[in-house]
């Protein structure tokens, strides 16, 4: 399944309380459950909270499914970018 990065511009995101972040997470998980019960295939991997936004990593069949998730959850989705490939320190190692 394709992987995507979603940039959510949220001024002051870095100051959200643990309770506020929990509420956002609960709302997102609820929307994902509903979408999956309706035949969509979407998976939230994790998110990074920065000073003025949240960047999320999702698996989904397409960008439209992620836009539907954002609309139903009342989340911004300022940019949705498909991930082409992933690299990490092991990428630097030569294979035999």
PDB file of N, CA and C in Angstrom:
ATOM      1  N   UNK A   1       0.853  -1.178   0.000  1.00  0.00           N
ATOM      2  CA  UNK A   1       0.000   0.000   0.000  1.00  0.00           C
ATOM      3  C   UNK A   1       0.895   1.236   0.000  1.00  0.00           C
ATOM      4  N   UNK A   2       0.532   2.271  -0.738  1.00  0.00           N
ATOM      5  CA  UNK A   2       1.342   3.489  -0.788  1.00  0.00           C
ATOM      6  C   UNK A   2       1.441   4.180   0.574  1.00  0.00           C
ATOM      7  N   UNK A   3       2.575   4.815   0.784  1.00  0.00           N
ATOM      8  CA  UNK A   3       2.830   5.577   2.006  1.00  0.00           C
ATOM      9  C   UNK A   3       2.811   7.064   1.639  1.00  0.00           C
ATOM     10  N   UNK A   4       2.276   7.893   2.553  1.00  0.00           N
ATOM     11  CA  UNK A   4       2.161   9.330   2.327  1.00  0.00           C
ATOM     12  C   UNK A   4       2.619  10.106   3.555  1.00  0.00           C
ATOM     13  N   UNK A   5       3.120  11.311   3.299  1.00  0.00           N
ATOM     14  CA  UNK A   5       3.358  12.292   4.353  1.00  0.00           C
ATOM     15  C   UNK A   5       2.263  13.338   4.242  1.00  0.00           C
ATOM     16  N   UNK A   6       1.694  13.698   5.383  1.00  0.00           N
ATOM     17  CA  UNK A   6       0.655  14.730   5.414  1.00  0.00           C
ATOM     18  C   UNK A   6       1.159  15.856   6.305  1.00  0.00           C
ATOM     19  N   UNK A   7       1.191  17.040   5.760  1.00  0.00           N
ATOM     20  CA  UNK A   7       1.576  18.222   6.530  1.00  0.00           C
ATOM     21  C   UNK A   7       0.311  18.935   6.971  1.00  0.00           C
ATOM     22  N   UNK A   8       0.161  19.046   8.295  1.00  0.00           N
ATOM     23  CA  UNK A   8      -0.993  19.736   8.873  1.00  0.00           C
ATOM     24  C   UNK A   8      -0.478  21.002   9.563  1.00  0.00           C
ATOM     25  N   UNK A   9      -0.771  22.150   8.986  1.00  0.00           N
ATOM     26  CA  UNK A   9      -0.333  23.412   9.580  1.00  0.00           C
ATOM     27  C   UNK A   9      -1.292  23.777  10.705  1.00  0.00           C
ATOM     28  N   UNK A  10      -0.752  23.769  11.929  1.00  0.00           N
ATOM     29  CA  UNK A  10      -1.547  24.059  13.124  1.00  0.00           C
ATOM     30  C   UNK A  10      -0.720  25.006  13.990  1.00  0.00           C
ATOM     31  N   UNK A  11      -0.969  26.314  13.891  1.00  0.00           N
ATOM     32  CA  UNK A  11      -0.209  27.252  14.709  1.00  0.00           C
ATOM     33  C   UNK A  11      -0.283  26.878  16.187  1.00  0.00           C
ATOM     34  N   UNK A  12       0.875  26.847  16.837  1.00  0.00           N
ATOM     35  CA  UNK A  12       0.930  26.513  18.257  1.00  0.00           C
ATOM     36  C   UNK A  12       0.849  25.028  18.560  1.00  0.00           C
ATOM     37  N   UNK A  13       0.990  24.179  17.559  1.00  0.00           N
ATOM     38  CA  UNK A  13       0.880  22.731  17.778  1.00  0.00           C
ATOM     39  C   UNK A  13       1.857  22.240  18.841  1.00  0.00           C
ATOM     40  N   UNK A  14       3.035  22.841  18.896  1.00  0.00           N
ATOM     41  CA  UNK A  14       4.037  22.423  19.871  1.00  0.00           C
ATOM     42  C   UNK A  14       3.637  22.708  21.309  1.00  0.00           C
ATOM     43  N   UNK A  15       2.606  23.512  21.488  1.00  0.00           N
ATOM     44  CA  UNK A  15       2.130  23.851  22.841  1.00  0.00           C
ATOM     45  C   UNK A  15       0.865  23.081  23.223  1.00  0.00           C
ATOM     46  N   UNK A  16       0.415  22.181  22.342  1.00  0.00           N
ATOM     47  CA  UNK A  16      -0.765  21.377  22.686  1.00  0.00           C
ATOM     48  C   UNK A  16      -0.454  20.509  23.904  1.00  0.00           C
ATOM     49  N   UNK A  17      -1.416  20.382  24.788  1.00  0.00           N
ATOM     50  CA  UNK A  17      -1.225  19.583  25.997  1.00  0.00           C
ATOM     51  C   UNK A  17      -1.330  18.094  25.666  1.00  0.00           C
ATOM     52  N   UNK A  18      -0.826  17.242  26.551  1.00  0.00           N
ATOM     53  CA  UNK A  18      -1.000  15.806  26.335  1.00  0.00           C
ATOM     54  C   UNK A  18      -2.470  15.422  26.172  1.00  0.00           C
ATOM     55  N   UNK A  19      -3.352  16.078  26.897  1.00  0.00           N
ATOM     56  CA  UNK A  19      -4.782  15.782  26.791  1.00  0.00           C
ATOM     57  C   UNK A  19      -5.323  16.197  25.420  1.00  0.00           C
ATOM     58  N   UNK A  20      -4.872  17.335  24.918  1.00  0.00           N
ATOM     59  CA  UNK A  20      -5.305  17.783  23.594  1.00  0.00           C
ATOM     60  C   UNK A  20      -4.791  16.842  22.506  1.00  0.00           C
ATOM     61  N   UNK A  21      -3.546  16.412  22.633  1.00  0.00           N
ATOM     62  CA  UNK A  21      -2.988  15.467  21.662  1.00  0.00           C
ATOM     63  C   UNK A  21      -3.705  14.125  21.721  1.00  0.00           C
ATOM     64  N   UNK A  22      -4.073  13.703  22.925  1.00  0.00           N
ATOM     65  CA  UNK A  22      -4.836  12.464  23.061  1.00  0.00           C
ATOM     66  C   UNK A  22      -6.188  12.600  22.374  1.00  0.00           C
ATOM     67  N   UNK A  23      -6.856  13.734  22.547  1.00  0.00           N
ATOM     68  CA  UNK A  23      -8.148  13.947  21.907  1.00  0.00           C
ATOM     69  C   UNK A  23      -8.050  13.929  20.385  1.00  0.00           C
ATOM     70  N   UNK A  24      -7.009  14.571  19.855  1.00  0.00           N
ATOM     71  CA  UNK A  24      -6.784  14.553  18.408  1.00  0.00           C
ATOM     72  C   UNK A  24      -6.556  13.123  17.938  1.00  0.00           C
ATOM     73  N   UNK A  25      -5.738  12.381  18.685  1.00  0.00           N
ATOM     74  CA  UNK A  25      -5.441  10.990  18.324  1.00  0.00           C
ATOM     75  C   UNK A  25      -6.688  10.122  18.357  1.00  0.00           C
ATOM     76  N   UNK A  26      -7.504  10.295  19.383  1.00  0.00           N
ATOM     77  CA  UNK A  26      -8.752   9.524  19.483  1.00  0.00           C
ATOM     78  C   UNK A  26      -9.673   9.817  18.310  1.00  0.00           C
ATOM     79  N   UNK A  27      -9.786  11.109  17.954  1.00  0.00           N
ATOM     80  CA  UNK A  27     -10.655  11.484  16.834  1.00  0.00           C
ATOM     81  C   UNK A  27     -10.137  10.866  15.538  1.00  0.00           C
ATOM     82  N   UNK A  28      -8.826  10.919  15.328  1.00  0.00           N
ATOM     83  CA  UNK A  28      -8.239  10.336  14.119  1.00  0.00           C
ATOM     84  C   UNK A  28      -8.490   8.833  14.055  1.00  0.00           C
ATOM     85  N   UNK A  29      -8.258   8.139  15.162  1.00  0.00           N
ATOM     86  CA  UNK A  29      -8.471   6.686  15.187  1.00  0.00           C
ATOM     87  C   UNK A  29      -9.933   6.330  14.940  1.00  0.00           C
ATOM     88  N   UNK A  30     -10.849   7.125  15.465  1.00  0.00           N
ATOM     89  CA  UNK A  30     -12.273   6.878  15.234  1.00  0.00           C
ATOM     90  C   UNK A  30     -12.641   7.025  13.770  1.00  0.00           C
ATOM     91  N   UNK A  31     -12.108   8.058  13.122  1.00  0.00           N
ATOM     92  CA  UNK A  31     -12.385   8.255  11.696  1.00  0.00           C
ATOM     93  C   UNK A  31     -11.780   7.111  10.884  1.00  0.00           C
ATOM     94  N   UNK A  32     -10.574   6.696  11.244  1.00  0.00           N
ATOM     95  CA  UNK A  32      -9.930   5.569  10.545  1.00  0.00           C
ATOM     96  C   UNK A  32     -10.775   4.307  10.684  1.00  0.00           C
ATOM     97  N   UNK A  33     -11.266   4.029  11.888  1.00  0.00           N
ATOM     98  CA  UNK A  33     -12.134   2.849  12.093  1.00  0.00           C
ATOM     99  C   UNK A  33     -13.358   2.918  11.196  1.00  0.00           C
ATOM    100  N   UNK A  34     -14.000   4.080  11.166  1.00  0.00           N
ATOM    101  CA  UNK A  34     -15.195   4.245  10.324  1.00  0.00           C
ATOM    102  C   UNK A  34     -14.866   4.036   8.849  1.00  0.00           C
ATOM    103  N   UNK A  35     -13.788   4.641   8.387  1.00  0.00           N
ATOM    104  CA  UNK A  35     -13.399   4.488   6.987  1.00  0.00           C
ATOM    105  C   UNK A  35     -13.092   3.028   6.649  1.00  0.00           C
ATOM    106  N   UNK A  36     -12.373   2.358   7.533  1.00  0.00           N
ATOM    107  CA  UNK A  36     -12.033   0.954   7.282  1.00  0.00           C
ATOM    108  C   UNK A  36     -13.272   0.066   7.293  1.00  0.00           C
ATOM    109  N   UNK A  37     -14.238   0.371   8.161  1.00  0.00           N
ATOM    110  CA  UNK A  37     -15.496  -0.390   8.165  1.00  0.00           C
ATOM    111  C   UNK A  37     -16.303  -0.164   6.891  1.00  0.00           C
ATOM    112  N   UNK A  38     -16.059   0.967   6.235  1.00  0.00           N
ATOM    113  CA  UNK A  38     -16.765   1.282   4.991  1.00  0.00           C
ATOM    114  C   UNK A  38     -15.994   0.820   3.755  1.00  0.00           C
ATOM    115  N   UNK A  39     -14.948   0.015   3.974  1.00  0.00           N
ATOM    116  CA  UNK A  39     -14.227  -0.569   2.852  1.00  0.00           C
ATOM    117  C   UNK A  39     -12.973   0.163   2.423  1.00  0.00           C
ATOM    118  N   UNK A  40     -12.656   1.265   3.083  1.00  0.00           N
ATOM    119  CA  UNK A  40     -11.402   1.958   2.774  1.00  0.00           C
ATOM    120  C   UNK A  40     -10.279   1.228   3.509  1.00  0.00           C
ATOM    121  N   UNK A  41      -9.067   1.427   3.069  1.00  0.00           N
ATOM    122  CA  UNK A  41      -7.925   0.802   3.722  1.00  0.00           C
ATOM    123  C   UNK A  41      -6.944   1.908   4.060  1.00  0.00           C
ATOM    124  N   UNK A  42      -6.908   2.316   5.322  1.00  0.00           N
ATOM    125  CA  UNK A  42      -6.071   3.432   5.752  1.00  0.00           C
ATOM    126  C   UNK A  42      -5.427   3.070   7.080  1.00  0.00           C
ATOM    127  N   UNK A  43      -4.171   3.450   7.242  1.00  0.00           N
ATOM    128  CA  UNK A  43      -3.436   3.134   8.465  1.00  0.00           C
ATOM    129  C   UNK A  43      -2.567   4.324   8.852  1.00  0.00           C
ATOM    130  N   UNK A  44      -2.707   4.773  10.081  1.00  0.00           N
ATOM    131  CA  UNK A  44      -1.872   5.847  10.615  1.00  0.00           C
ATOM    132  C   UNK A  44      -0.649   5.189  11.215  1.00  0.00           C
ATOM    133  N   UNK A  45       0.544   5.588  10.781  1.00  0.00           N
ATOM    134  CA  UNK A  45       1.791   5.016  11.287  1.00  0.00           C
ATOM    135  C   UNK A  45       2.275   5.801  12.504  1.00  0.00           C
ATOM    136  N   UNK A  46       2.537   7.082  12.334  1.00  0.00           N
ATOM    137  CA  UNK A  46       2.909   7.969  13.432  1.00  0.00           C
ATOM    138  C   UNK A  46       2.922   9.408  12.942  1.00  0.00           C
ATOM    139  N   UNK A  47       3.080  10.327  13.881  1.00  0.00           N
ATOM    140  CA  UNK A  47       3.108  11.750  13.547  1.00  0.00           C
ATOM    141  C   UNK A  47       4.190  12.442  14.355  1.00  0.00           C
ATOM    142  N   UNK A  48       4.702  13.532  13.785  1.00  0.00           N
ATOM    143  CA  UNK A  48       5.709  14.360  14.430  1.00  0.00           C
ATOM    144  C   UNK A  48       5.091  15.723  14.700  1.00  0.00           C
ATOM    145  N   UNK A  49       5.103  16.137  15.971  1.00  0.00           N
ATOM    146  CA  UNK A  49       4.547  17.434  16.344  1.00  0.00           C
ATOM    147  C   UNK A  49       5.694  18.435  16.386  1.00  0.00           C
ATOM    148  N   UNK A  50       5.535  19.535  15.641  1.00  0.00           N
ATOM    149  CA  UNK A  50       6.521  20.608  15.648  1.00  0.00           C
ATOM    150  C   UNK A  50       5.859  21.867  16.187  1.00  0.00           C
ATOM    151  N   UNK A  51       6.597  22.949  16.215  1.00  0.00           N
ATOM    152  CA  UNK A  51       6.082  24.193  16.791  1.00  0.00           C
ATOM    153  C   UNK A  51       4.757  24.626  16.161  1.00  0.00           C
ATOM    154  N   UNK A  52       4.673  24.556  14.842  1.00  0.00           N
ATOM    155  CA  UNK A  52       3.488  25.068  14.158  1.00  0.00           C
ATOM    156  C   UNK A  52       2.842  24.052  13.225  1.00  0.00           C
ATOM    157  N   UNK A  53       2.933  22.780  13.564  1.00  0.00           N
ATOM    158  CA  UNK A  53       2.285  21.799  12.705  1.00  0.00           C
ATOM    159  C   UNK A  53       2.500  20.381  13.164  1.00  0.00           C
ATOM    160  N   UNK A  54       1.843  19.499  12.463  1.00  0.00           N
ATOM    161  CA  UNK A  54       1.987  18.064  12.697  1.00  0.00           C
ATOM    162  C   UNK A  54       2.203  17.424  11.330  1.00  0.00           C
ATOM    163  N   UNK A  55       3.247  16.619  11.224  1.00  0.00           N
ATOM    164  CA  UNK A  55       3.510  15.875  10.003  1.00  0.00           C
ATOM    165  C   UNK A  55       3.230  14.411  10.296  1.00  0.00           C
ATOM    166  N   UNK A  56       2.347  13.830   9.498  1.00  0.00           N
ATOM    167  CA  UNK A  56       1.873  12.472   9.737  1.00  0.00           C
ATOM    168  C   UNK A  56       2.360  11.532   8.639  1.00  0.00           C
ATOM    169  N   UNK A  57       2.566  10.284   9.017  1.00  0.00           N
ATOM    170  CA  UNK A  57       2.901   9.228   8.069  1.00  0.00           C
ATOM    171  C   UNK A  57       1.714   8.260   8.043  1.00  0.00           C
ATOM    172  N   UNK A  58       1.165   8.051   6.854  1.00  0.00           N
ATOM    173  CA  UNK A  58      -0.003   7.181   6.676  1.00  0.00           C
ATOM    174  C   UNK A  58       0.239   6.213   5.529  1.00  0.00           C
ATOM    175  N   UNK A  59      -0.363   5.048   5.627  1.00  0.00           N
ATOM    176  CA  UNK A  59      -0.524   4.141   4.495  1.00  0.00           C
ATOM    177  C   UNK A  59      -1.963   4.273   4.045  1.00  0.00           C
ATOM    178  N   UNK A  60      -2.154   4.441   2.742  1.00  0.00           N
ATOM    179  CA  UNK A  60      -3.505   4.580   2.193  1.00  0.00           C
ATOM    180  C   UNK A  60      -3.455   4.268   0.705  1.00  0.00           C
ATOM    181  N   UNK A  61      -4.595   3.890   0.138  1.00  0.00           N
ATOM    182  CA  UNK A  61      -4.589   3.566  -1.287  1.00  0.00           C
ATOM    183  C   UNK A  61      -4.368   4.775  -2.188  1.00  0.00           C
ATOM    184  N   UNK A  62      -4.779   5.982  -1.695  1.00  0.00           N
ATOM    185  CA  UNK A  62      -4.666   7.168  -2.537  1.00  0.00           C
ATOM    186  C   UNK A  62      -4.840   8.435  -1.705  1.00  0.00           C
ATOM    187  N   UNK A  63      -4.558   9.553  -2.328  1.00  0.00           N
ATOM    188  CA  UNK A  63      -4.659  10.846  -1.663  1.00  0.00           C
ATOM    189  C   UNK A  63      -6.102  11.169  -1.277  1.00  0.00           C
ATOM    190  N   UNK A  64      -7.063  10.777  -2.098  1.00  0.00           N
ATOM    191  CA  UNK A  64      -8.469  11.080  -1.815  1.00  0.00           C
ATOM    192  C   UNK A  64      -8.926  10.464  -0.490  1.00  0.00           C
ATOM    193  N   UNK A  65      -8.467   9.262  -0.191  1.00  0.00           N
ATOM    194  CA  UNK A  65      -8.825   8.625   1.083  1.00  0.00           C
ATOM    195  C   UNK A  65      -8.299   9.452   2.251  1.00  0.00           C
ATOM    196  N   UNK A  66      -7.100   9.992   2.104  1.00  0.00           N
ATOM    197  CA  UNK A  66      -6.524  10.818   3.165  1.00  0.00           C
ATOM    198  C   UNK A  66      -7.268  12.155   3.280  1.00  0.00           C
ATOM    199  N   UNK A  67      -7.702  12.700   2.166  1.00  0.00           N
ATOM    200  CA  UNK A  67      -8.493  13.942   2.217  1.00  0.00           C
ATOM    201  C   UNK A  67      -9.848  13.688   2.890  1.00  0.00           C
ATOM    202  N   UNK A  68     -10.430  12.513   2.646  1.00  0.00           N
ATOM    203  CA  UNK A  68     -11.695  12.141   3.302  1.00  0.00           C
ATOM    204  C   UNK A  68     -11.491  12.034   4.812  1.00  0.00           C
ATOM    205  N   UNK A  69     -10.392  11.425   5.228  1.00  0.00           N
ATOM    206  CA  UNK A  69     -10.056  11.324   6.653  1.00  0.00           C
ATOM    207  C   UNK A  69      -9.933  12.724   7.264  1.00  0.00           C
ATOM    208  N   UNK A  70      -9.221  13.609   6.585  1.00  0.00           N
ATOM    209  CA  UNK A  70      -9.034  14.969   7.100  1.00  0.00           C
ATOM    210  C   UNK A  70     -10.370  15.703   7.214  1.00  0.00           C
ATOM    211  N   UNK A  71     -11.223  15.558   6.197  1.00  0.00           N
ATOM    212  CA  UNK A  71     -12.517  16.234   6.215  1.00  0.00           C
ATOM    213  C   UNK A  71     -13.385  15.711   7.364  1.00  0.00           C
ATOM    214  N   UNK A  72     -13.474  14.404   7.488  1.00  0.00           N
ATOM    215  CA  UNK A  72     -14.332  13.827   8.538  1.00  0.00           C
ATOM    216  C   UNK A  72     -13.819  14.145   9.943  1.00  0.00           C
ATOM    217  N   UNK A  73     -12.502  14.224  10.094  1.00  0.00           N
ATOM    218  CA  UNK A  73     -11.928  14.510  11.406  1.00  0.00           C
ATOM    219  C   UNK A  73     -11.739  15.986  11.685  1.00  0.00           C
ATOM    220  N   UNK A  74     -12.054  16.817  10.668  1.00  0.00           N
ATOM    221  CA  UNK A  74     -11.855  18.258  10.780  1.00  0.00           C
ATOM    222  C   UNK A  74     -10.379  18.589  11.043  1.00  0.00           C
ATOM    223  N   UNK A  75      -9.493  17.891  10.307  1.00  0.00           N
ATOM    224  CA  UNK A  75      -8.058  18.122  10.385  1.00  0.00           C
ATOM    225  C   UNK A  75      -7.612  18.872   9.134  1.00  0.00           C
ATOM    226  N   UNK A  76      -6.646  19.783   9.256  1.00  0.00           N
ATOM    227  CA  UNK A  76      -6.092  20.360   8.036  1.00  0.00           C
ATOM    228  C   UNK A  76      -5.236  19.315   7.313  1.00  0.00           C
ATOM    229  N   UNK A  77      -5.163  19.421   6.025  1.00  0.00           N
ATOM    230  CA  UNK A  77      -4.269  18.591   5.208  1.00  0.00           C
ATOM    231  C   UNK A  77      -3.679  19.526   4.162  1.00  0.00           C
ATOM    232  N   UNK A  78      -2.717  20.343   4.599  1.00  0.00           N
ATOM    233  CA  UNK A  78      -2.166  21.382   3.746  1.00  0.00           C
ATOM    234  C   UNK A  78      -1.343  20.828   2.590  1.00  0.00           C
ATOM    235  N   UNK A  79      -0.705  19.695   2.811  1.00  0.00           N
ATOM    236  CA  UNK A  79       0.060  19.046   1.740  1.00  0.00           C
ATOM    237  C   UNK A  79       0.046  17.544   1.980  1.00  0.00           C
ATOM    238  N   UNK A  80      -0.215  16.801   0.926  1.00  0.00           N
ATOM    239  CA  UNK A  80      -0.165  15.339   0.967  1.00  0.00           C
ATOM    240  C   UNK A  80       0.841  14.918  -0.096  1.00  0.00           C
ATOM    241  N   UNK A  81       1.903  14.256   0.352  1.00  0.00           N
ATOM    242  CA  UNK A  81       3.001  13.909  -0.544  1.00  0.00           C
ATOM    243  C   UNK A  81       3.232  12.405  -0.536  1.00  0.00           C
ATOM    244  N   UNK A  82       3.186  11.762  -1.696  1.00  0.00           N
ATOM    245  CA  UNK A  82       3.494  10.333  -1.749  1.00  0.00           C
ATOM    246  C   UNK A  82       4.981  10.093  -1.461  1.00  0.00           C
ATOM    247  N   UNK A  83       5.270   9.063  -0.708  1.00  0.00           N
ATOM    248  CA  UNK A  83       6.650   8.659  -0.430  1.00  0.00           C
ATOM    249  C   UNK A  83       7.086   7.730  -1.555  1.00  0.00           C
ATOM    250  N   UNK A  84       8.188   8.047  -2.195  1.00  0.00           N
ATOM    251  CA  UNK A  84       8.686   7.229  -3.305  1.00  0.00           C
ATOM    252  C   UNK A  84       9.512   6.049  -2.813  1.00  0.00           C
ATOM    253  N   UNK A  85      10.344   6.274  -1.825  1.00  0.00           N
ATOM    254  CA  UNK A  85      11.152   5.207  -1.233  1.00  0.00           C
ATOM    255  C   UNK A  85      11.655   5.698   0.114  1.00  0.00           C
ATOM    256  N   UNK A  86      12.196   4.810   0.893  1.00  0.00           N
ATOM    257  CA  UNK A  86      12.750   5.166   2.192  1.00  0.00           C
ATOM    258  C   UNK A  86      14.213   4.760   2.222  1.00  0.00           C
ATOM    259  N   UNK A  87      15.014   5.575   2.905  1.00  0.00           N
ATOM    260  CA  UNK A  87      16.408   5.225   3.131  1.00  0.00           C
ATOM    261  C   UNK A  87      16.710   5.406   4.608  1.00  0.00           C
ATOM    262  N   UNK A  88      17.753   4.752   5.066  1.00  0.00           N
ATOM    263  CA  UNK A  88      18.196   4.868   6.442  1.00  0.00           C
ATOM    264  C   UNK A  88      19.692   4.528   6.473  1.00  0.00           C
ATOM    265  N   UNK A  89      20.332   4.482   7.626  1.00  0.00           N
ATOM    266  CA  UNK A  89      21.764   4.204   7.670  1.00  0.00           C
ATOM    267  C   UNK A  89      22.155   2.874   7.003  1.00  0.00           C
ATOM    268  N   UNK A  90      21.281   1.911   7.014  1.00  0.00           N
ATOM    269  CA  UNK A  90      21.594   0.623   6.404  1.00  0.00           C
ATOM    270  C   UNK A  90      21.702   0.745   4.875  1.00  0.00           C
ATOM    271  N   UNK A  91      21.032   1.751   4.318  1.00  0.00           N
ATOM    272  CA  UNK A  91      21.126   2.000   2.875  1.00  0.00           C
ATOM    273  C   UNK A  91      22.572   2.241   2.463  1.00  0.00           C
ATOM    274  N   UNK A  92      23.378   2.788   3.371  1.00  0.00           N
ATOM    275  CA  UNK A  92      24.769   3.093   3.066  1.00  0.00           C
ATOM    276  C   UNK A  92      25.655   1.851   2.995  1.00  0.00           C
ATOM    277  N   UNK A  93      25.194   0.748   3.538  1.00  0.00           N
ATOM    278  CA  UNK A  93      25.998  -0.472   3.547  1.00  0.00           C
ATOM    279  C   UNK A  93      25.934  -1.161   2.191  1.00  0.00           C
ATOM    280  N   UNK A  94      27.070  -1.609   1.730  1.00  0.00           N
ATOM    281  CA  UNK A  94      27.126  -2.322   0.472  1.00  0.00           C
ATOM    282  C   UNK A  94      26.628  -3.747   0.686  1.00  0.00           C
ATOM    283  N   UNK A  95      25.896  -4.238  -0.290  1.00  0.00           N
ATOM    284  CA  UNK A  95      25.457  -5.623  -0.222  1.00  0.00           C
ATOM    285  C   UNK A  95      26.437  -6.489  -0.999  1.00  0.00           C
ATOM    286  N   UNK A  96      26.574  -7.717  -0.560  1.00  0.00           N
ATOM    287  CA  UNK A  96      27.537  -8.635  -1.182  1.00  0.00           C
ATOM    288  C   UNK A  96      27.064  -9.106  -2.532  1.00  0.00           C
TER     289      UNK A  96
END
